[in-house]
N, C-alpha and C. Protein backbone atom coordinates (compact mmCIF):
# COMPACT_ATOMS: atom_id res chain seq x y z
N MET A 1 -67.95 96.83 103.16
CA MET A 1 -66.68 96.46 102.95
C MET A 1 -66.82 95.44 104.64
N VAL A 2 -66.95 94.36 104.52
CA VAL A 2 -66.89 93.62 105.41
C VAL A 2 -65.40 92.36 105.56
N VAL A 3 -65.01 92.55 106.86
CA VAL A 3 -63.53 92.00 107.36
C VAL A 3 -64.46 90.72 108.66
N VAL A 4 -63.73 89.72 108.07
CA VAL A 4 -64.87 88.16 108.72
C VAL A 4 -62.97 87.97 109.51
N MET A 5 -62.19 88.38 109.43
CA MET A 5 -60.88 87.80 110.22
C MET A 5 -61.46 88.36 111.70
N GLY A 6 -60.61 86.95 112.51
CA GLY A 6 -61.40 87.07 114.07
C GLY A 6 -62.55 86.77 114.12
N ILE A 7 -63.80 86.37 113.56
CA ILE A 7 -64.95 86.09 114.18
C ILE A 7 -64.99 84.66 115.21
N GLY A 8 -66.20 85.54 115.99
CA GLY A 8 -65.96 84.45 116.89
C GLY A 8 -67.12 83.58 117.11
N GLY A 9 -67.26 81.86 117.43
CA GLY A 9 -68.21 81.74 117.26
C GLY A 9 -69.16 81.30 115.77
N LYS A 10 -69.74 79.86 116.14
CA LYS A 10 -70.56 80.00 115.16
C LYS A 10 -71.89 80.61 114.36
N TYR A 11 -72.31 80.90 115.35
CA TYR A 11 -73.66 81.82 115.46
C TYR A 11 -73.10 82.81 114.37
N LYS A 12 -72.17 83.80 115.16
CA LYS A 12 -71.68 85.09 114.33
C LYS A 12 -71.48 85.06 113.37
N THR A 13 -70.35 83.69 112.94
CA THR A 13 -69.75 83.79 111.30
C THR A 13 -70.70 83.74 110.46
N ARG A 14 -72.31 82.30 111.03
CA ARG A 14 -72.78 82.19 109.61
C ARG A 14 -73.64 83.81 109.28
N LYS A 15 -73.80 84.29 110.64
CA LYS A 15 -74.42 85.43 110.19
C LYS A 15 -74.10 86.40 109.26
N ILE A 16 -72.93 86.78 109.63
CA ILE A 16 -71.81 87.17 108.63
C ILE A 16 -71.55 87.02 107.16
N VAL A 17 -71.39 85.36 106.90
CA VAL A 17 -71.29 84.74 105.90
C VAL A 17 -73.10 84.77 104.98
N GLU A 18 -73.91 84.95 106.14
CA GLU A 18 -75.67 85.05 104.65
C GLU A 18 -75.49 86.70 104.92
N GLU A 19 -74.97 87.40 105.75
CA GLU A 19 -74.78 88.91 105.31
C GLU A 19 -74.21 89.30 103.75
N LEU A 20 -73.30 88.53 103.91
CA LEU A 20 -72.33 88.72 102.88
C LEU A 20 -72.62 88.35 101.05
N PHE A 21 -73.89 87.01 101.60
CA PHE A 21 -74.50 86.51 100.22
C PHE A 21 -75.79 87.33 100.38
N LYS A 22 -76.60 87.54 100.91
CA LYS A 22 -77.54 88.89 100.77
C LYS A 22 -76.71 90.22 100.19
N GLN A 23 -75.83 90.52 100.61
CA GLN A 23 -75.07 92.10 100.00
C GLN A 23 -74.61 91.70 98.83
N HIS A 24 -74.31 90.55 98.65
CA HIS A 24 -73.48 90.69 96.91
C HIS A 24 -74.23 89.50 96.26
N TYR A 25 -74.71 89.05 96.43
CA TYR A 25 -75.13 87.60 95.38
C TYR A 25 -75.49 87.93 94.35
N ALA A 26 -76.44 89.55 93.97
CA ALA A 26 -76.91 90.11 92.85
C ALA A 26 -75.53 90.70 91.89
N GLU A 27 -74.78 91.16 92.49
CA GLU A 27 -73.72 91.81 92.23
C GLU A 27 -73.04 90.85 91.78
N LEU A 28 -72.11 89.72 92.36
CA LEU A 28 -71.38 88.79 92.13
C LEU A 28 -72.22 87.82 90.62
N CYS A 29 -73.33 87.64 90.94
CA CYS A 29 -74.32 86.95 89.14
C CYS A 29 -73.91 87.79 88.41
N SER A 30 -73.86 89.14 88.75
CA SER A 30 -73.79 89.95 87.25
C SER A 30 -72.68 90.29 86.95
N HIS A 31 -71.88 90.28 87.85
CA HIS A 31 -69.97 89.83 87.22
C HIS A 31 -69.89 88.51 86.40
N VAL A 32 -70.21 88.04 87.14
CA VAL A 32 -70.13 86.48 86.31
C VAL A 32 -71.05 86.16 84.86
N TYR A 33 -72.11 86.97 84.95
CA TYR A 33 -73.02 86.79 84.15
C TYR A 33 -71.79 87.71 82.59
N SER A 34 -71.02 88.60 83.27
CA SER A 34 -70.48 89.20 81.97
C SER A 34 -69.47 88.19 81.04
N ILE A 35 -69.19 87.27 82.27
CA ILE A 35 -68.36 86.19 81.54
C ILE A 35 -68.42 85.62 81.08
N VAL A 36 -69.68 84.53 81.62
CA VAL A 36 -70.24 83.37 80.65
C VAL A 36 -71.89 83.34 80.09
N LYS A 37 -72.17 84.64 79.84
CA LYS A 37 -73.12 85.06 79.29
C LYS A 37 -74.44 84.41 79.55
N ASN A 38 -74.89 83.96 80.44
CA ASN A 38 -75.89 82.68 80.90
C ASN A 38 -76.59 83.21 82.43
N ASP A 39 -77.69 83.71 82.78
CA ASP A 39 -78.25 83.55 83.43
C ASP A 39 -77.97 82.41 84.37
N ASN A 40 -78.57 81.42 84.29
CA ASN A 40 -78.58 79.92 85.15
C ASN A 40 -77.23 79.42 85.52
N ASP A 41 -76.02 79.88 84.50
CA ASP A 41 -75.06 79.19 84.98
C ASP A 41 -74.25 80.11 85.99
N ALA A 42 -74.16 81.56 85.26
CA ALA A 42 -73.80 82.36 86.80
C ALA A 42 -74.35 82.34 87.79
N GLU A 43 -75.73 82.28 88.06
CA GLU A 43 -76.07 81.65 89.52
C GLU A 43 -75.84 80.00 90.09
N ASP A 44 -75.62 79.32 89.39
CA ASP A 44 -74.96 78.01 89.59
C ASP A 44 -73.85 78.25 90.27
N ILE A 45 -73.17 79.21 89.12
CA ILE A 45 -71.47 79.39 89.55
C ILE A 45 -71.35 80.23 91.03
N VAL A 46 -71.83 80.94 91.63
CA VAL A 46 -71.72 82.11 92.62
C VAL A 46 -72.86 80.74 94.03
N GLN A 47 -73.46 80.46 93.54
CA GLN A 47 -74.19 79.76 94.53
C GLN A 47 -72.96 78.82 94.87
N GLN A 48 -72.08 77.91 93.82
CA GLN A 48 -71.45 76.74 93.96
C GLN A 48 -70.22 77.67 95.06
N PHE A 49 -70.02 78.76 94.62
CA PHE A 49 -69.11 79.14 95.04
C PHE A 49 -69.60 79.49 96.76
N PHE A 50 -70.23 80.03 96.88
CA PHE A 50 -70.87 80.28 98.53
C PHE A 50 -70.70 78.97 98.94
N VAL A 51 -71.18 78.23 98.52
CA VAL A 51 -71.37 76.67 99.46
C VAL A 51 -69.94 76.20 99.43
N ASP A 52 -69.12 76.35 98.71
CA ASP A 52 -67.76 75.91 99.00
C ASP A 52 -67.20 76.94 100.22
N PHE A 53 -67.18 78.17 99.79
CA PHE A 53 -66.94 79.22 100.73
C PHE A 53 -67.30 78.87 102.51
N ILE A 54 -68.53 78.31 102.72
CA ILE A 54 -69.23 77.52 103.72
C ILE A 54 -67.97 76.64 104.15
N VAL A 55 -68.42 75.68 103.58
CA VAL A 55 -68.10 74.24 103.65
C VAL A 55 -66.43 73.65 104.08
N ASN A 56 -65.87 75.11 103.43
CA ASN A 56 -64.72 74.26 103.69
C ASN A 56 -63.94 75.96 104.27
N LYS A 57 -64.67 76.48 104.69
CA LYS A 57 -64.36 77.66 105.81
C LYS A 57 -63.18 78.63 105.11
N ARG A 58 -63.61 78.71 103.82
CA ARG A 58 -62.42 79.83 103.21
C ARG A 58 -62.35 81.41 103.53
N TYR A 59 -63.36 81.32 104.78
CA TYR A 59 -63.88 83.12 104.95
C TYR A 59 -62.58 83.04 105.89
N LYS A 60 -62.25 82.00 106.51
CA LYS A 60 -60.97 82.24 107.63
C LYS A 60 -59.40 82.65 106.86
N LYS A 61 -59.37 82.11 105.66
CA LYS A 61 -58.24 82.68 105.38
C LYS A 61 -57.98 84.11 104.68
N VAL A 62 -58.88 84.48 104.20
CA VAL A 62 -59.10 85.90 103.58
C VAL A 62 -58.17 86.52 104.55
N GLU A 63 -57.27 87.45 103.72
CA GLU A 63 -56.56 88.26 104.69
C GLU A 63 -56.42 89.86 103.76
N SER A 64 -57.57 90.07 102.77
CA SER A 64 -57.01 91.07 102.11
C SER A 64 -59.01 91.73 102.13
N SER A 65 -59.21 92.50 101.64
CA SER A 65 -60.58 92.92 101.05
C SER A 65 -61.55 92.03 101.07
N MET A 66 -62.66 91.69 101.81
CA MET A 66 -63.51 90.91 101.27
C MET A 66 -64.59 90.65 100.30
N GLU A 67 -64.78 91.57 99.61
CA GLU A 67 -65.42 92.10 98.88
C GLU A 67 -64.10 91.97 97.65
N GLY A 68 -63.33 92.09 97.54
CA GLY A 68 -61.91 91.77 96.75
C GLY A 68 -61.87 90.54 96.58
N TYR A 69 -61.85 89.61 97.36
CA TYR A 69 -61.73 88.28 97.19
C TYR A 69 -62.66 87.55 96.84
N LEU A 70 -64.35 88.07 96.75
CA LEU A 70 -65.29 87.46 96.50
C LEU A 70 -65.50 87.73 94.93
N PHE A 71 -65.01 88.48 94.92
CA PHE A 71 -64.96 88.88 92.96
C PHE A 71 -64.39 88.38 92.19
N GLN A 72 -63.10 88.45 92.88
CA GLN A 72 -61.65 87.31 92.37
C GLN A 72 -62.01 86.01 92.08
N SER A 73 -62.65 85.36 93.32
CA SER A 73 -63.17 84.38 93.25
C SER A 73 -64.50 83.41 92.12
N VAL A 74 -64.79 84.57 92.32
CA VAL A 74 -66.32 84.22 91.11
C VAL A 74 -65.64 84.09 89.97
N ARG A 75 -64.89 84.95 89.73
CA ARG A 75 -63.94 85.40 88.53
C ARG A 75 -63.81 84.53 87.81
N TYR A 76 -62.68 83.86 88.96
CA TYR A 76 -61.71 82.57 88.39
C TYR A 76 -62.68 81.29 88.44
N ALA A 77 -63.64 81.30 89.03
CA ALA A 77 -64.40 80.37 89.36
C ALA A 77 -65.16 80.38 87.67
N ALA A 78 -65.87 81.26 87.48
CA ALA A 78 -66.49 81.36 85.98
C ALA A 78 -65.20 81.15 84.62
N LEU A 79 -64.42 81.40 84.60
CA LEU A 79 -63.27 81.31 83.70
C LEU A 79 -63.41 79.77 83.94
N LYS A 80 -63.16 78.85 84.78
CA LYS A 80 -62.50 77.78 85.22
C LYS A 80 -64.05 76.98 84.51
N PHE A 81 -65.13 77.39 84.71
CA PHE A 81 -66.51 77.07 84.34
C PHE A 81 -66.17 76.80 82.32
N LEU A 82 -66.10 78.20 81.94
CA LEU A 82 -65.90 78.58 80.26
C LEU A 82 -64.78 77.47 80.03
N LYS A 83 -63.51 77.39 80.59
CA LYS A 83 -62.67 76.56 79.69
C LYS A 83 -63.08 74.85 80.09
N HIS A 84 -64.06 74.48 81.28
CA HIS A 84 -64.32 73.01 80.63
C HIS A 84 -65.36 73.12 80.19
N GLN A 85 -66.20 74.39 79.79
CA GLN A 85 -66.93 73.81 78.41
C GLN A 85 -66.66 74.41 77.20
N ILE A 86 -65.30 74.81 76.96
CA ILE A 86 -64.69 74.91 75.75
C ILE A 86 -63.95 73.58 75.41
N LYS A 87 -63.79 72.84 76.68
CA LYS A 87 -62.89 71.21 76.18
C LYS A 87 -63.97 70.26 75.93
N ASN A 88 -65.56 70.34 76.50
CA ASN A 88 -66.38 70.06 76.37
C ASN A 88 -66.74 69.60 75.22
N GLN A 89 -66.61 71.09 74.30
CA GLN A 89 -67.39 71.33 72.79
C GLN A 89 -66.40 70.76 72.36
N HIS A 90 -64.49 71.07 72.65
CA HIS A 90 -63.92 70.06 71.26
C HIS A 90 -63.95 68.56 71.17
N LEU A 91 -64.41 68.36 72.75
CA LEU A 91 -64.19 66.71 72.74
C LEU A 91 -65.28 66.44 72.22
N GLN A 92 -67.10 67.25 72.05
CA GLN A 92 -67.92 66.43 71.43
C GLN A 92 -67.89 66.66 69.88
N ILE A 93 -67.09 68.16 68.99
CA ILE A 93 -66.46 68.32 67.87
C ILE A 93 -65.56 67.21 67.07
N SER A 94 -64.25 66.57 68.13
CA SER A 94 -63.83 65.58 67.65
C SER A 94 -64.12 64.25 67.81
N ASP A 95 -65.63 64.01 68.91
CA ASP A 95 -66.28 62.43 68.39
C ASP A 95 -66.86 62.55 67.37
N PHE A 96 -67.35 63.81 66.97
CA PHE A 96 -68.10 64.50 65.62
C PHE A 96 -67.81 63.79 64.19
N SER A 97 -66.42 64.41 64.75
CA SER A 97 -65.15 64.34 63.23
C SER A 97 -65.15 62.59 62.67
N ASP A 98 -64.81 62.00 64.41
CA ASP A 98 -64.14 60.80 64.52
C ASP A 98 -65.40 59.71 63.96
N VAL A 99 -66.78 59.93 64.02
CA VAL A 99 -68.20 59.32 63.52
C VAL A 99 -67.83 59.44 61.81
N PHE A 100 -67.78 61.07 61.56
CA PHE A 100 -67.65 60.42 60.14
C PHE A 100 -66.40 60.10 59.27
N LEU A 101 -65.11 60.22 60.08
CA LEU A 101 -64.28 59.58 59.30
C LEU A 101 -64.36 58.29 59.16
N GLN A 102 -65.17 57.30 60.35
CA GLN A 102 -65.59 56.14 60.60
C GLN A 102 -66.41 55.55 59.75
N GLU A 103 -67.38 56.22 59.44
CA GLU A 103 -68.52 56.03 58.22
C GLU A 103 -67.61 55.92 56.97
N GLU A 104 -67.07 57.38 56.43
CA GLU A 104 -66.29 57.25 55.26
C GLU A 104 -65.07 56.34 55.00
N HIS A 105 -64.73 55.50 55.89
CA HIS A 105 -63.69 54.33 55.79
C HIS A 105 -63.89 53.41 56.43
N LYS A 106 -65.20 52.95 56.44
CA LYS A 106 -65.92 51.99 57.28
C LYS A 106 -65.33 50.70 56.72
N LYS A 107 -65.13 49.92 55.84
CA LYS A 107 -64.64 49.20 54.75
C LYS A 107 -63.17 48.86 55.32
N GLU A 108 -62.24 49.97 55.16
CA GLU A 108 -61.23 50.04 55.33
C GLU A 108 -60.96 49.70 56.94
N ASN A 109 -61.26 50.52 57.85
CA ASN A 109 -61.47 50.25 59.08
C ASN A 109 -61.89 48.42 59.36
N SER A 110 -62.76 47.96 59.19
CA SER A 110 -63.07 46.69 59.31
C SER A 110 -61.71 45.93 58.97
N GLN A 111 -61.36 45.74 57.54
CA GLN A 111 -60.49 45.36 57.26
C GLN A 111 -59.10 45.39 58.16
N ILE A 112 -58.79 46.27 58.81
CA ILE A 112 -57.57 46.70 59.94
C ILE A 112 -57.59 45.87 61.13
N THR A 113 -59.14 46.22 61.67
CA THR A 113 -59.71 45.35 63.20
C THR A 113 -59.45 43.87 62.37
N GLN A 114 -60.02 43.95 61.18
CA GLN A 114 -59.47 41.89 61.23
C GLN A 114 -58.20 41.81 61.18
N GLN A 115 -57.01 42.37 60.61
CA GLN A 115 -56.12 41.88 60.53
C GLN A 115 -55.71 42.18 61.96
N LEU A 116 -55.52 43.34 63.11
CA LEU A 116 -54.81 42.95 63.85
C LEU A 116 -55.59 42.45 65.18
N ASP A 117 -57.04 42.03 64.74
CA ASP A 117 -57.57 41.02 65.92
C ASP A 117 -56.85 39.97 65.42
N THR A 118 -56.74 39.57 64.29
CA THR A 118 -56.05 38.04 63.88
C THR A 118 -54.64 38.30 64.17
N ALA A 119 -54.08 39.34 64.34
CA ALA A 119 -52.06 39.23 64.85
C ALA A 119 -52.22 38.71 66.13
N LEU A 120 -53.46 39.94 67.03
CA LEU A 120 -53.48 39.44 68.46
C LEU A 120 -53.87 38.40 69.04
N ASN A 121 -54.83 37.89 68.23
CA ASN A 121 -55.37 36.39 68.55
C ASN A 121 -53.78 35.44 68.48
N SER A 122 -52.90 35.57 67.37
CA SER A 122 -52.24 34.61 67.41
C SER A 122 -51.13 35.05 68.34
N LEU A 123 -50.95 36.11 69.13
CA LEU A 123 -49.91 36.37 70.22
C LEU A 123 -49.95 35.04 71.21
N PRO A 124 -48.70 34.93 71.75
CA PRO A 124 -48.67 34.03 73.04
C PRO A 124 -50.15 34.17 73.97
N PRO A 125 -50.63 33.58 75.03
CA PRO A 125 -51.24 33.76 75.78
C PRO A 125 -50.74 35.10 76.83
N ARG A 126 -49.80 35.25 77.16
CA ARG A 126 -49.41 36.09 78.17
C ARG A 126 -48.74 37.48 77.86
N CYS A 127 -48.41 37.14 76.52
CA CYS A 127 -48.39 38.55 75.79
C CYS A 127 -49.62 39.17 74.94
N LYS A 128 -50.60 38.36 75.24
CA LYS A 128 -52.05 38.81 74.66
C LYS A 128 -52.20 39.40 75.80
N GLU A 129 -52.63 38.88 77.00
CA GLU A 129 -52.95 39.74 78.62
C GLU A 129 -52.45 40.39 78.52
N VAL A 130 -51.51 40.64 78.71
CA VAL A 130 -50.37 42.23 78.84
C VAL A 130 -50.53 42.99 78.04
N PHE A 131 -50.51 43.18 76.85
CA PHE A 131 -51.07 43.64 75.81
C PHE A 131 -52.37 44.36 76.19
N VAL A 132 -52.99 43.23 76.38
CA VAL A 132 -54.69 43.42 76.27
C VAL A 132 -54.79 45.00 77.50
N MET A 133 -54.12 44.39 78.55
CA MET A 133 -54.15 45.16 79.91
C MET A 133 -53.68 46.64 79.89
N VAL A 134 -52.46 46.48 79.00
CA VAL A 134 -51.56 47.87 78.98
C VAL A 134 -52.58 48.79 77.98
N HIS A 135 -52.53 48.29 76.70
CA HIS A 135 -52.95 48.81 75.60
C HIS A 135 -54.45 49.32 75.33
N VAL A 136 -55.47 48.56 76.05
CA VAL A 136 -56.92 48.19 75.67
C VAL A 136 -57.80 48.91 77.11
N GLN A 137 -57.35 48.16 77.64
CA GLN A 137 -57.91 48.85 78.97
C GLN A 137 -56.82 49.64 80.01
N ASN A 138 -55.72 50.31 79.52
CA ASN A 138 -55.46 51.21 79.87
C ASN A 138 -54.63 51.27 81.42
N LEU A 139 -54.27 50.35 81.69
CA LEU A 139 -53.29 49.69 83.24
C LEU A 139 -52.40 50.50 82.90
N SER A 140 -51.56 50.41 84.25
CA SER A 140 -50.13 51.27 83.80
C SER A 140 -49.48 50.21 84.44
N TYR A 141 -48.44 49.95 84.07
CA TYR A 141 -47.37 48.69 84.23
C TYR A 141 -47.45 48.17 85.64
N ILE A 142 -47.17 49.19 86.38
CA ILE A 142 -47.75 48.64 88.06
C ILE A 142 -49.04 48.10 88.34
N GLU A 143 -50.26 48.52 87.41
CA GLU A 143 -51.45 47.99 88.07
C GLU A 143 -51.39 46.61 87.24
N THR A 144 -50.98 46.55 85.63
CA THR A 144 -50.73 45.26 84.79
C THR A 144 -49.97 44.41 86.17
N SER A 145 -48.87 44.38 86.65
CA SER A 145 -47.94 43.54 87.66
C SER A 145 -48.79 43.12 88.64
N LYS A 146 -49.48 44.30 89.47
CA LYS A 146 -50.09 43.57 90.53
C LYS A 146 -51.53 42.33 90.82
N VAL A 147 -52.16 42.80 89.28
CA VAL A 147 -53.25 41.84 88.50
C VAL A 147 -52.60 40.47 88.25
N LEU A 148 -51.34 40.68 87.62
CA LEU A 148 -51.11 38.96 87.23
C LEU A 148 -50.38 38.68 87.86
N GLY A 149 -50.05 39.33 88.80
CA GLY A 149 -49.00 38.68 90.39
C GLY A 149 -47.41 38.66 89.47
N VAL A 150 -47.40 39.17 89.14
CA VAL A 150 -45.65 39.14 88.35
C VAL A 150 -44.96 40.60 88.45
N SER A 151 -43.51 41.00 88.50
CA SER A 151 -42.71 42.00 88.20
C SER A 151 -43.09 43.05 87.05
N ILE A 152 -42.44 43.97 87.48
CA ILE A 152 -43.19 45.18 86.56
C ILE A 152 -42.36 44.61 85.12
N ASN A 153 -40.99 44.15 85.91
CA ASN A 153 -39.80 43.70 84.59
C ASN A 153 -40.52 42.77 83.43
N THR A 154 -41.08 41.37 84.52
CA THR A 154 -42.11 40.97 83.44
C THR A 154 -43.04 40.92 82.66
N VAL A 155 -44.11 42.19 83.52
CA VAL A 155 -44.90 42.80 82.32
C VAL A 155 -44.25 43.43 80.93
N LYS A 156 -43.29 44.25 81.52
CA LYS A 156 -42.57 44.81 80.33
C LYS A 156 -41.93 44.12 79.31
N THR A 157 -41.34 42.77 79.66
CA THR A 157 -40.66 42.10 78.67
C THR A 157 -41.73 41.68 77.96
N GLN A 158 -42.93 41.05 78.31
CA GLN A 158 -43.90 40.60 77.58
C GLN A 158 -44.84 41.65 76.50
N LEU A 159 -44.99 42.79 77.40
CA LEU A 159 -45.28 43.60 76.50
C LEU A 159 -44.36 44.26 75.27
N LYS A 160 -43.01 43.92 75.66
CA LYS A 160 -42.29 44.36 74.13
C LYS A 160 -42.38 42.94 73.21
N ARG A 161 -42.03 41.64 74.31
CA ARG A 161 -42.21 40.85 73.11
C ARG A 161 -43.51 40.40 72.60
N GLY A 162 -44.72 40.71 72.80
CA GLY A 162 -45.92 41.18 72.17
C GLY A 162 -45.90 42.07 70.89
N LEU A 163 -44.98 43.40 71.39
CA LEU A 163 -45.07 44.20 70.53
C LEU A 163 -44.41 44.09 68.88
N ASN A 164 -43.33 43.39 69.72
CA ASN A 164 -42.55 42.61 68.20
C ASN A 164 -43.24 41.64 67.59
N LEU A 165 -43.39 40.88 68.60
CA LEU A 165 -44.70 40.01 67.50
C LEU A 165 -45.54 40.43 66.68
N LEU A 166 -46.39 41.29 67.26
CA LEU A 166 -47.65 42.31 66.17
C LEU A 166 -46.85 43.40 65.26
N ARG A 167 -45.29 43.57 65.24
CA ARG A 167 -44.82 44.04 64.41
C ARG A 167 -44.63 43.47 63.03
N GLU A 168 -44.10 41.95 63.55
CA GLU A 168 -43.96 40.85 61.97
C GLU A 168 -44.90 40.73 61.63
N ARG A 169 -46.23 40.27 62.37
CA ARG A 169 -47.26 39.89 61.54
C ARG A 169 -48.01 40.68 61.10
N ILE A 170 -48.07 42.30 61.07
CA ILE A 170 -48.93 43.01 60.36
C ILE A 170 -48.34 43.87 59.64
N SER A 171 -48.22 43.75 58.36
CA SER A 171 -47.59 44.51 57.46
C SER A 171 -48.23 45.97 57.24
N TYR A 172 -46.97 46.42 57.43
CA TYR A 172 -46.99 47.98 56.82
C TYR A 172 -46.58 48.72 55.75
N PRO A 173 -47.90 49.77 54.95
CA PRO A 173 -48.99 50.19 55.45
C PRO A 173 -50.00 49.00 55.78
N LEU A 174 -50.86 49.05 56.47
CA LEU A 174 -51.72 47.82 56.62
C LEU A 174 -52.32 47.56 55.11
N ASN A 175 -52.21 46.13 55.32
CA ASN A 175 -53.19 45.82 53.87
C ASN A 175 -54.35 45.95 53.57
N THR A 176 -55.22 47.10 53.19
CA THR A 176 -56.17 47.40 53.12
C THR A 176 -56.74 47.89 51.71
N GLU A 177 -56.76 46.75 50.52
CA GLU A 177 -57.37 47.30 49.29
C GLU A 177 -58.67 47.17 49.08
N LEU A 178 -59.08 48.36 48.45
CA LEU A 178 -59.96 48.61 48.89
C LEU A 178 -60.85 48.31 46.74
N ASN A 179 -61.89 46.93 47.56
CA ASN A 179 -62.43 46.44 45.67
C ASN A 179 -63.37 47.73 44.98
């Protein structure tokens, strides 16, 4: 066990961190591999941990066992990596299902899109501009007000007016008669 508390000087710090890396790298990779089940990912996670450990001087904040800290940190990084991968896989599956549904209902979607476009283009210019910025470009009310040079209340009013006009102009359920 190496305790780094009270390290004095850059040279001594670098040597101790290098020694920690040499001493624990293989064990840490093995530990991470048991979680992520991929050698390359395990090595990347451990290497990234040590980069962060050095760059952000995390060794100065260790108050307990350095070995425990290293293993706990790479375990957390591996779990975070898996969480990110699961999220990406979910997004890819969701994207695939969206594409499948779009193909299945292509004609219906084009009719809905046409109705929405017609209704949107019939809005007064300022209502349309606010609607597009908030609902299409995903700008916040504050961002929209800054871009347009108007108050947030004006944005809210124009958005409410635009939504009410759209509700009036689009029949619900949407008129999508399939031939």
